[in-house]
């Protein structure tokens, strides 16, 4: 039988801690593990099993404080994990440093505590995860003094909170913004934008406001048949808010309704206009200029749009007239590495391993394969940026995409 020393390597300890603190797909939750854990072997002869790697995925290289935490994520933690009475409207940003048994059978718990403490410059809570049997009274005293949580990991996978940290009020800055973005209702996921025309999302708040069942109205006025995709995309564009108790208009969604009523008198009359655009492939800002300009304001308010447009402007100034998708991703990665990976690269364990080195650098050869990209970004979002007049070309599905020939250029660079 394998000993606890064999079982509780650093990657395994981290995997158990992640399962405990980030147990599954929940609203306003996201976590990434550092790219150093994407390798096949952790120490000579100490293999990272596929099951452990799968539990740790997705991988990214996120700078926080003076280094790169083993895990950074966002989640509203349970009271037995975090000492907090109330933390505003957003869940806390959490950092975890893990330490496991080395080949010599030791665990450097003290170093893990100090590393976790360094993350508190940007995190709201920091933990060290270590084998439970290796935690000493001195370790716990140091952790309490530095406000670092201690997670004792047992050989059977149980995780015991030995010291509970107090939440601190730091706001995420720099690269950790990417993790907050992914955890938000607007983060990029495989199920974010399922449709590639902005009219489908503008129609949803109108149908929600109008008299009658929302789904029926969307179909009746031939706005869109894929109503679930329309609702989800409207939420990602911050037009509606999806809650367990129902879907409601946001401030931006109400502004769309005001626009429609001011030009058509009612939401129903505005929806009738959508029938004229059914199956049209013409650029939306030319087909329906007033609606196209409204869509442009809505799409530009999406955080990813702002990042892409601003950096494409900078690329234009630097002499990149018609950058390819590969050019754009490499350029963005130099300036916003974590955000670039989250925005463009699929979160699959195998994909992130292909694209990123253990040090978090990009492999250009992998970027030349269209299938490694997030469809919601390179297909649906890009198509919307084309329709509202921001980009020169439409998006393409990843399986039909040649990233070296896929142009990302501003239609009107300044």
Protein backbone atom coordinates (compact mmCIF):
# COMPACT_ATOMS: atom_id res chain seq x y z
CA UNK A 1 0.00 0.00 0.00
CA UNK A 2 1.27 3.47 -0.89
CA UNK A 3 2.25 5.65 2.05
CA UNK A 4 0.86 9.11 2.72
CA UNK A 5 4.22 10.45 1.55
CA UNK A 6 3.72 8.81 -1.84
CA UNK A 7 0.09 9.89 -2.11
CA UNK A 8 0.41 13.50 -1.01
CA UNK A 9 2.72 15.03 -3.57
CA UNK A 10 2.28 18.76 -4.17
CA UNK A 11 0.02 18.34 -7.24
CA UNK A 12 -2.18 15.85 -5.38
CA UNK A 13 -2.45 18.11 -2.33
CA UNK A 14 -3.47 20.98 -4.60
CA UNK A 15 -6.03 18.84 -6.43
CA UNK A 16 -7.71 17.87 -3.13
CA UNK A 17 -7.70 21.50 -1.99
CA UNK A 18 -9.24 22.65 -5.26
CA UNK A 19 -12.01 20.07 -5.04
CA UNK A 20 -12.81 21.32 -1.53
CA UNK A 21 -12.78 25.05 -2.22
CA UNK A 22 -13.95 24.94 -5.84
CA UNK A 23 -16.14 21.85 -6.03
CA UNK A 24 -17.87 22.40 -9.37
CA UNK A 25 -19.59 24.66 -11.87
CA UNK A 26 -21.32 27.34 -9.84
CA UNK A 27 -22.42 30.86 -10.62
CA UNK A 28 -19.76 33.55 -10.14
CA UNK A 29 -17.03 30.90 -9.67
CA UNK A 30 -13.81 30.25 -11.57
CA UNK A 31 -10.34 28.97 -10.72
CA UNK A 32 -7.09 28.28 -12.56
CA UNK A 33 -3.97 26.40 -11.55
CA UNK A 34 -0.46 27.46 -12.49
CA UNK A 35 1.00 26.05 -15.69
CA UNK A 36 3.87 24.37 -13.83
CA UNK A 37 1.38 21.63 -12.88
CA UNK A 38 0.55 20.82 -16.50
CA UNK A 39 3.65 18.64 -16.91
CA UNK A 40 3.77 14.83 -16.83
CA UNK A 41 6.21 14.65 -13.90
CA UNK A 42 6.44 16.84 -10.82
CA UNK A 43 9.67 15.44 -9.39
CA UNK A 44 11.92 12.76 -10.91
CA UNK A 45 9.91 9.57 -10.72
CA UNK A 46 6.88 11.42 -9.27
CA UNK A 47 4.27 11.33 -12.03
CA UNK A 48 1.28 13.66 -12.18
CA UNK A 49 -1.53 11.32 -13.13
CA UNK A 50 -4.04 12.31 -15.83
CA UNK A 51 -6.78 12.28 -13.17
CA UNK A 52 -4.90 14.82 -11.04
CA UNK A 53 -4.16 17.02 -14.05
CA UNK A 54 -7.80 16.92 -15.06
CA UNK A 55 -8.82 17.97 -11.54
CA UNK A 56 -6.34 20.86 -11.63
CA UNK A 57 -7.31 22.17 -15.08
CA UNK A 58 -7.69 24.77 -16.49
CA UNK A 59 -4.13 26.08 -16.37
CA UNK A 60 -2.87 29.64 -16.60
CA UNK A 61 0.12 31.64 -15.35
CA UNK A 62 -1.29 34.45 -13.21
CA UNK A 63 1.03 36.89 -11.50
CA UNK A 64 0.00 37.95 -8.00
CA UNK A 65 2.22 39.80 -5.56
CA UNK A 66 5.85 38.93 -6.30
CA UNK A 67 5.15 35.55 -7.86
CA UNK A 68 2.66 33.09 -9.28
CA UNK A 69 0.26 31.32 -6.89
CA UNK A 70 -0.41 27.64 -7.38
CA UNK A 71 -4.13 28.40 -7.65
CA UNK A 72 -6.12 31.59 -7.99
CA UNK A 73 -9.88 31.64 -8.10
CA UNK A 74 -13.10 33.39 -7.23
CA UNK A 75 -15.87 31.85 -5.14
CA UNK A 76 -18.16 32.67 -2.22
CA UNK A 77 -16.63 30.29 0.35
CA UNK A 78 -18.50 28.60 3.18
CA UNK A 79 -18.25 30.00 6.75
CA UNK A 80 -16.01 27.13 7.87
CA UNK A 81 -13.40 28.27 5.33
CA UNK A 82 -13.42 32.04 5.64
CA UNK A 83 -13.96 34.43 8.54
CA UNK A 84 -16.18 37.12 7.03
CA UNK A 85 -19.57 38.52 7.87
CA UNK A 86 -20.15 40.27 4.57
CA UNK A 87 -18.03 40.90 1.49
CA UNK A 88 -19.90 43.30 -0.76
CA UNK A 89 -21.62 42.03 -3.87
CA UNK A 90 -18.72 40.08 -5.35
CA UNK A 91 -17.23 36.80 -4.12
CA UNK A 92 -13.65 36.98 -2.82
CA UNK A 93 -10.53 36.40 -4.86
CA UNK A 94 -8.67 33.46 -3.33
CA UNK A 95 -5.05 32.31 -3.68
CA UNK A 96 -3.69 28.90 -2.65
CA UNK A 97 -0.10 27.77 -2.25
CA UNK A 98 0.37 24.00 -1.97
CA UNK A 99 3.21 22.01 -0.44
CA UNK A 100 3.53 18.25 -0.56
CA UNK A 101 6.04 15.67 0.51
CA UNK A 102 9.41 15.97 -1.21
CA UNK A 103 11.61 13.02 -2.17
CA UNK A 104 13.24 13.40 1.24
CA UNK A 105 9.89 13.05 2.99
CA UNK A 106 9.70 16.67 4.22
CA UNK A 107 7.10 19.39 3.71
CA UNK A 108 8.12 23.06 3.58
CA UNK A 109 4.98 24.39 5.24
CA UNK A 110 6.62 27.58 6.50
CA UNK A 111 7.67 28.60 2.98
CA UNK A 112 4.16 27.95 1.74
CA UNK A 113 2.71 30.21 4.45
CA UNK A 114 5.09 33.03 3.57
CA UNK A 115 4.29 32.65 -0.14
CA UNK A 116 0.57 32.72 0.59
CA UNK A 117 1.03 35.86 2.69
CA UNK A 118 2.67 37.57 -0.28
CA UNK A 119 -0.52 36.98 -2.33
CA UNK A 120 -2.56 39.09 0.10
CA UNK A 121 -1.37 42.20 -1.72
CA UNK A 122 -4.04 41.38 -4.31
CA UNK A 123 -6.09 38.48 -2.96
CA UNK A 124 -8.94 38.76 -0.49
CA UNK A 125 -7.95 35.48 1.17
CA UNK A 126 -4.88 33.25 0.99
CA UNK A 127 -4.30 29.65 2.03
CA UNK A 128 -1.54 27.12 2.27
CA UNK A 129 -2.59 23.53 1.55
CA UNK A 130 -0.32 20.85 3.06
CA UNK A 131 -0.47 17.26 4.27
CA UNK A 132 -2.37 17.35 7.55
CA UNK A 133 0.21 15.28 9.43
CA UNK A 134 2.98 17.74 8.55
CA UNK A 135 1.35 20.81 10.16
CA UNK A 136 2.98 21.83 13.45
CA UNK A 137 1.81 24.17 16.18
CA UNK A 138 4.49 26.63 15.09
CA UNK A 139 3.12 26.55 11.54
CA UNK A 140 -0.37 27.35 12.78
CA UNK A 141 0.86 30.20 14.95
CA UNK A 142 2.75 31.75 12.03
CA UNK A 143 -0.27 31.39 9.77
CA UNK A 144 -2.55 33.10 12.31
CA UNK A 145 -0.11 35.98 12.68
CA UNK A 146 0.06 36.46 8.90
CA UNK A 147 -3.69 35.90 8.31
CA UNK A 148 -3.10 32.85 6.13
CA UNK A 149 -5.52 29.95 6.14
CA UNK A 150 -4.19 26.42 6.63
CA UNK A 151 -5.81 23.48 4.83
CA UNK A 152 -4.77 20.11 6.21
CA UNK A 153 -5.04 17.47 3.47
CA UNK A 154 -5.48 13.82 4.45
CA UNK A 155 -4.35 10.84 2.43
CA UNK A 156 -7.96 9.91 1.66
CA UNK A 157 -8.57 13.34 0.09
CA UNK A 158 -10.35 14.98 3.02
CA UNK A 159 -9.44 18.64 3.52
CA UNK A 160 -9.62 20.02 7.06
CA UNK A 161 -9.54 23.79 7.67
CA UNK A 162 -6.99 24.10 10.49
CA UNK A 163 -6.72 27.90 10.43
CA UNK A 164 -9.35 30.17 8.89
CA UNK A 165 -8.20 33.47 7.40
CA UNK A 166 -9.99 36.78 7.69
CA UNK A 167 -11.08 38.34 4.44
CA UNK A 168 -9.20 41.50 3.50
CA UNK A 169 -10.44 44.29 1.28
CA UNK A 170 -7.86 44.19 -1.49
CA UNK A 171 -9.24 44.57 -4.98
CA UNK A 172 -7.91 42.49 -7.82
CA UNK A 173 -5.60 44.38 -10.14
CA UNK A 174 -3.50 43.59 -13.17
CA UNK A 175 -3.55 39.95 -14.20
CA UNK A 176 -6.01 38.81 -11.53
CA UNK A 177 -8.66 40.87 -13.32
CA UNK A 178 -8.82 38.03 -15.85
CA UNK A 179 -9.94 35.59 -13.17
CA UNK A 180 -12.61 37.94 -11.86
CA UNK A 181 -13.78 38.42 -15.45
CA UNK A 182 -14.12 34.68 -16.00
CA UNK A 183 -16.00 34.26 -12.74
CA UNK A 184 -18.45 37.02 -13.62
CA UNK A 185 -21.61 36.71 -15.66
CA UNK A 186 -19.66 38.11 -18.63
CA UNK A 187 -16.72 35.72 -18.60
CA UNK A 188 -15.83 33.72 -21.70
CA UNK A 189 -17.07 30.16 -21.55
CA UNK A 190 -17.92 27.59 -24.20
CA UNK A 191 -21.59 28.40 -23.59
CA UNK A 192 -21.39 32.20 -23.59
CA UNK A 193 -22.16 33.47 -27.09
CA UNK A 194 -24.00 30.86 -29.12
CA UNK A 195 -25.19 33.28 -31.80
CA UNK A 196 -23.16 35.57 -34.04
CA UNK A 197 -25.53 38.46 -34.72
CA UNK A 198 -26.09 41.27 -32.20
CA UNK A 199 -29.76 41.67 -33.15
CA UNK A 200 -30.48 38.32 -31.50
CA UNK A 201 -29.32 39.70 -28.17
CA UNK A 202 -30.94 43.13 -28.54
CA UNK A 203 -34.27 41.44 -29.16
CA UNK A 204 -34.21 39.54 -25.90
CA UNK A 205 -34.71 42.49 -23.47
CA UNK A 206 -37.48 43.80 -25.75
CA UNK A 207 -39.29 40.45 -25.67
CA UNK A 208 -38.74 40.23 -21.93
CA UNK A 209 -40.32 43.65 -21.42
CA UNK A 210 -43.19 43.20 -23.91
CA UNK A 211 -46.53 41.64 -22.97
CA UNK A 212 -46.52 37.89 -23.44
CA UNK A 213 -44.19 34.93 -22.96
CA UNK A 214 -40.66 35.96 -23.87
CA UNK A 215 -39.79 32.82 -25.83
CA UNK A 216 -43.02 32.96 -27.85
CA UNK A 217 -42.47 36.60 -28.76
CA UNK A 218 -38.93 35.94 -29.97
CA UNK A 219 -40.24 33.25 -32.30
CA UNK A 220 -43.41 35.10 -33.32
CA UNK A 221 -41.48 38.14 -34.51
CA UNK A 222 -38.80 35.93 -36.08
CA UNK A 223 -36.10 37.50 -33.93
CA UNK A 224 -34.40 34.20 -33.15
CA UNK A 225 -35.36 30.58 -32.73
CA UNK A 226 -32.52 29.63 -30.38
CA UNK A 227 -34.04 31.46 -27.41
CA UNK A 228 -31.77 29.87 -24.81
CA UNK A 229 -28.70 31.09 -26.68
CA UNK A 230 -30.28 34.54 -27.02
CA UNK A 231 -30.95 34.74 -23.30
CA UNK A 232 -27.47 33.55 -22.37
CA UNK A 233 -25.80 35.97 -24.77
CA UNK A 234 -27.97 38.84 -23.54
CA UNK A 235 -26.73 38.06 -20.04
CA UNK A 236 -23.10 38.05 -21.20
CA UNK A 237 -23.67 41.47 -22.76
CA UNK A 238 -25.19 42.65 -19.48
CA UNK A 239 -28.63 43.26 -21.00
CA UNK A 240 -30.40 40.90 -18.62
CA UNK A 241 -29.59 39.31 -15.29
CA UNK A 242 -30.17 35.57 -14.90
CA UNK A 243 -31.09 34.56 -11.37
CA UNK A 244 -32.72 31.45 -9.90
CA UNK A 245 -35.85 33.48 -9.29
CA UNK A 246 -36.03 34.61 -12.92
CA UNK A 247 -34.59 36.85 -15.63
CA UNK A 248 -34.71 40.64 -15.18
CA UNK A 249 -33.58 43.66 -17.17
CA UNK A 250 -30.30 45.33 -16.26
CA UNK A 251 -29.69 49.06 -16.53
CA UNK A 252 -28.28 48.52 -20.02
CA UNK A 253 -31.24 46.34 -20.97
CA UNK A 254 -33.66 49.03 -19.83
CA UNK A 255 -31.81 51.52 -22.01
CA UNK A 256 -32.41 49.25 -25.03
CA UNK A 257 -36.13 49.26 -24.18
CA UNK A 258 -36.12 53.07 -23.87
CA UNK A 259 -34.43 53.31 -27.28
CA UNK A 260 -37.07 51.06 -28.83
CA UNK A 261 -40.01 52.90 -27.28
CA UNK A 262 -38.64 56.32 -28.26
CA UNK A 263 -38.36 55.26 -31.93
CA UNK A 264 -41.31 52.88 -32.27
CA UNK A 265 -43.70 53.72 -29.45
CA UNK A 266 -43.69 50.24 -27.94
CA UNK A 267 -41.49 47.19 -27.52
CA UNK A 268 -43.89 45.17 -29.68
CA UNK A 269 -43.63 47.63 -32.57
CA UNK A 270 -39.86 47.54 -32.30
CA UNK A 271 -39.88 43.74 -32.37
CA UNK A 272 -41.90 43.87 -35.59
CA UNK A 273 -38.92 45.62 -37.21
CA UNK A 274 -36.76 42.56 -36.50
CA UNK A 275 -38.70 40.54 -39.07
CA UNK A 276 -37.18 42.72 -41.79
CA UNK A 277 -33.70 41.54 -40.81
CA UNK A 278 -34.46 37.82 -40.72
CA UNK A 279 -31.60 35.81 -42.25
CA UNK A 280 -29.91 38.91 -43.62
CA UNK A 281 -26.11 38.57 -43.93
CA UNK A 282 -25.55 42.27 -44.56
CA UNK A 283 -23.44 44.17 -42.02
CA UNK A 284 -25.92 45.21 -39.34
CA UNK A 285 -24.68 48.78 -38.96
CA UNK A 286 -25.42 49.29 -42.70
CA UNK A 287 -28.67 47.34 -42.76
CA UNK A 288 -30.18 49.18 -39.77
CA UNK A 289 -27.91 52.13 -38.91
CA UNK A 290 -29.69 53.32 -35.75
CA UNK A 291 -29.92 49.81 -34.33
CA UNK A 292 -26.38 49.12 -35.47
CA UNK A 293 -25.08 52.09 -33.50
CA UNK A 294 -27.02 50.93 -30.44
CA UNK A 295 -25.54 47.45 -30.86
CA UNK A 296 -22.10 49.01 -31.16
CA UNK A 297 -22.49 50.74 -27.77
CA UNK A 298 -23.73 47.52 -26.19
CA UNK A 299 -20.95 45.36 -27.66
CA UNK A 300 -18.29 47.93 -26.82
CA UNK A 301 -19.40 47.87 -23.17
CA UNK A 302 -18.39 44.19 -23.04
CA UNK A 303 -14.96 44.16 -21.27
CA UNK A 304 -13.31 41.91 -23.83
CA UNK A 305 -14.28 44.25 -26.66
CA UNK A 306 -12.58 47.19 -25.01
CA UNK A 307 -9.36 45.21 -24.58
CA UNK A 308 -9.33 43.92 -28.18
CA UNK A 309 -10.12 47.27 -29.78
CA UNK A 310 -7.60 49.23 -27.73
CA UNK A 311 -4.77 46.80 -28.43
CA UNK A 312 -5.65 46.57 -32.14
CA UNK A 313 -5.34 50.34 -32.22
CA UNK A 314 -1.90 50.05 -30.62
CA UNK A 315 -0.92 47.35 -33.12
CA UNK A 316 -1.97 49.66 -35.95
CA UNK A 317 0.24 52.39 -34.48
CA UNK A 318 3.09 49.88 -34.26
CA UNK A 319 2.82 49.03 -37.95
CA UNK A 320 0.55 45.94 -37.86
CA UNK A 321 -1.96 46.94 -40.56
CA UNK A 322 -3.71 43.56 -40.91
CA UNK A 323 -2.68 41.36 -37.98
CA UNK A 324 -3.61 37.71 -38.02
CA UNK A 325 -5.23 35.98 -35.07
CA UNK A 326 -1.83 34.52 -34.15
CA UNK A 327 -0.26 37.98 -34.31
CA UNK A 328 -2.99 39.41 -32.09
CA UNK A 329 -2.76 36.67 -29.46
CA UNK A 330 1.04 36.90 -29.27
CA UNK A 331 0.87 40.70 -29.02
CA UNK A 332 -1.83 40.64 -26.35
CA UNK A 333 0.01 37.98 -24.37
CA UNK A 334 2.99 40.25 -23.96
CA UNK A 335 0.80 42.86 -22.28
CA UNK A 336 -2.07 40.90 -20.69
CA UNK A 337 -0.93 37.26 -20.51
CA UNK A 338 -3.58 35.83 -18.20
CA UNK A 339 -6.45 37.71 -19.81
CA UNK A 340 -5.32 36.69 -23.29
CA UNK A 341 -5.26 33.01 -22.41
CA UNK A 342 -8.69 33.15 -20.76
CA UNK A 343 -10.19 35.12 -23.65
CA UNK A 344 -8.84 33.15 -26.58
CA UNK A 345 -7.68 29.67 -25.53
CA UNK A 346 -10.07 26.87 -24.67
CA UNK A 347 -9.90 25.73 -21.06
CA UNK A 348 -9.51 22.02 -21.83
CA UNK A 349 -6.57 20.47 -20.01
CA UNK A 350 -5.10 19.07 -23.23
CA UNK A 351 -5.45 22.38 -25.09
CA UNK A 352 -3.84 24.52 -22.40
CA UNK A 353 -0.94 22.02 -22.18
CA UNK A 354 -0.41 22.31 -25.94
CA UNK A 355 -0.56 26.10 -26.02
CA UNK A 356 1.31 26.97 -22.81
CA UNK A 357 4.72 25.91 -21.58
CA UNK A 358 5.16 25.10 -17.85
CA UNK A 359 6.48 28.68 -17.50
CA UNK A 360 3.34 30.15 -19.04
CA UNK A 361 4.86 31.07 -22.42
CA UNK A 362 2.98 30.55 -25.69
CA UNK A 363 3.84 27.91 -28.25
CA UNK A 364 3.30 29.53 -31.65
CA UNK A 365 2.93 26.20 -33.43
CA UNK A 366 -0.09 25.38 -31.27
CA UNK A 367 -1.62 28.82 -31.92
CA UNK A 368 -1.63 28.01 -35.65
CA UNK A 369 -4.27 25.31 -35.02
CA UNK A 370 -7.77 26.82 -35.08
CA UNK A 371 -9.24 24.18 -32.78
CA UNK A 372 -7.41 25.52 -29.71
CA UNK A 373 -9.46 28.72 -29.67
CA UNK A 374 -12.63 29.67 -27.81
CA UNK A 375 -15.43 29.70 -30.38
CA UNK A 376 -17.35 32.44 -28.50
CA UNK A 377 -14.37 34.77 -29.04
CA UNK A 378 -13.02 33.93 -32.51
CA UNK A 379 -16.40 33.20 -34.11
CA UNK A 380 -19.38 34.77 -32.34
CA UNK A 381 -17.78 37.81 -30.70
CA UNK A 382 -15.70 38.61 -33.78
CA UNK A 383 -18.80 38.34 -35.97
CA UNK A 384 -20.57 40.84 -33.73
CA UNK A 385 -17.59 43.19 -33.87
CA UNK A 386 -17.89 42.99 -37.66
CA UNK A 387 -21.63 43.66 -37.64
CA UNK A 388 -21.34 46.75 -35.45
CA UNK A 389 -18.59 48.19 -37.66
CA UNK A 390 -15.52 47.68 -35.48
CA UNK A 391 -13.63 44.97 -37.43
CA UNK A 392 -13.07 44.42 -41.14
CA UNK A 393 -13.81 40.68 -41.22
CA UNK A 394 -16.33 38.26 -39.73
CA UNK A 395 -15.48 35.47 -37.32
CA UNK A 396 -15.07 31.82 -38.28
CA UNK A 397 -15.79 28.57 -36.52
CA UNK A 398 -12.62 27.09 -34.99
CA UNK A 399 -12.76 23.96 -37.16
CA UNK A 400 -12.82 26.18 -40.27
CA UNK A 401 -10.26 28.65 -39.00
CA UNK A 402 -6.73 29.23 -40.26
CA UNK A 403 -5.33 31.46 -37.47
CA UNK A 404 -2.41 32.59 -39.65
CA UNK A 405 -4.84 33.93 -42.28
CA UNK A 406 -7.64 35.17 -40.01
CA UNK A 407 -7.37 38.98 -40.06
CA UNK A 408 -8.19 41.04 -36.97
CA UNK A 409 -8.05 44.66 -38.11
CA UNK A 410 -9.98 47.75 -37.10
CA UNK A 411 -12.32 49.07 -39.76
CA UNK A 412 -11.61 52.63 -38.66
CA UNK A 413 -8.24 52.91 -36.87
CA UNK A 414 -7.59 56.31 -35.36
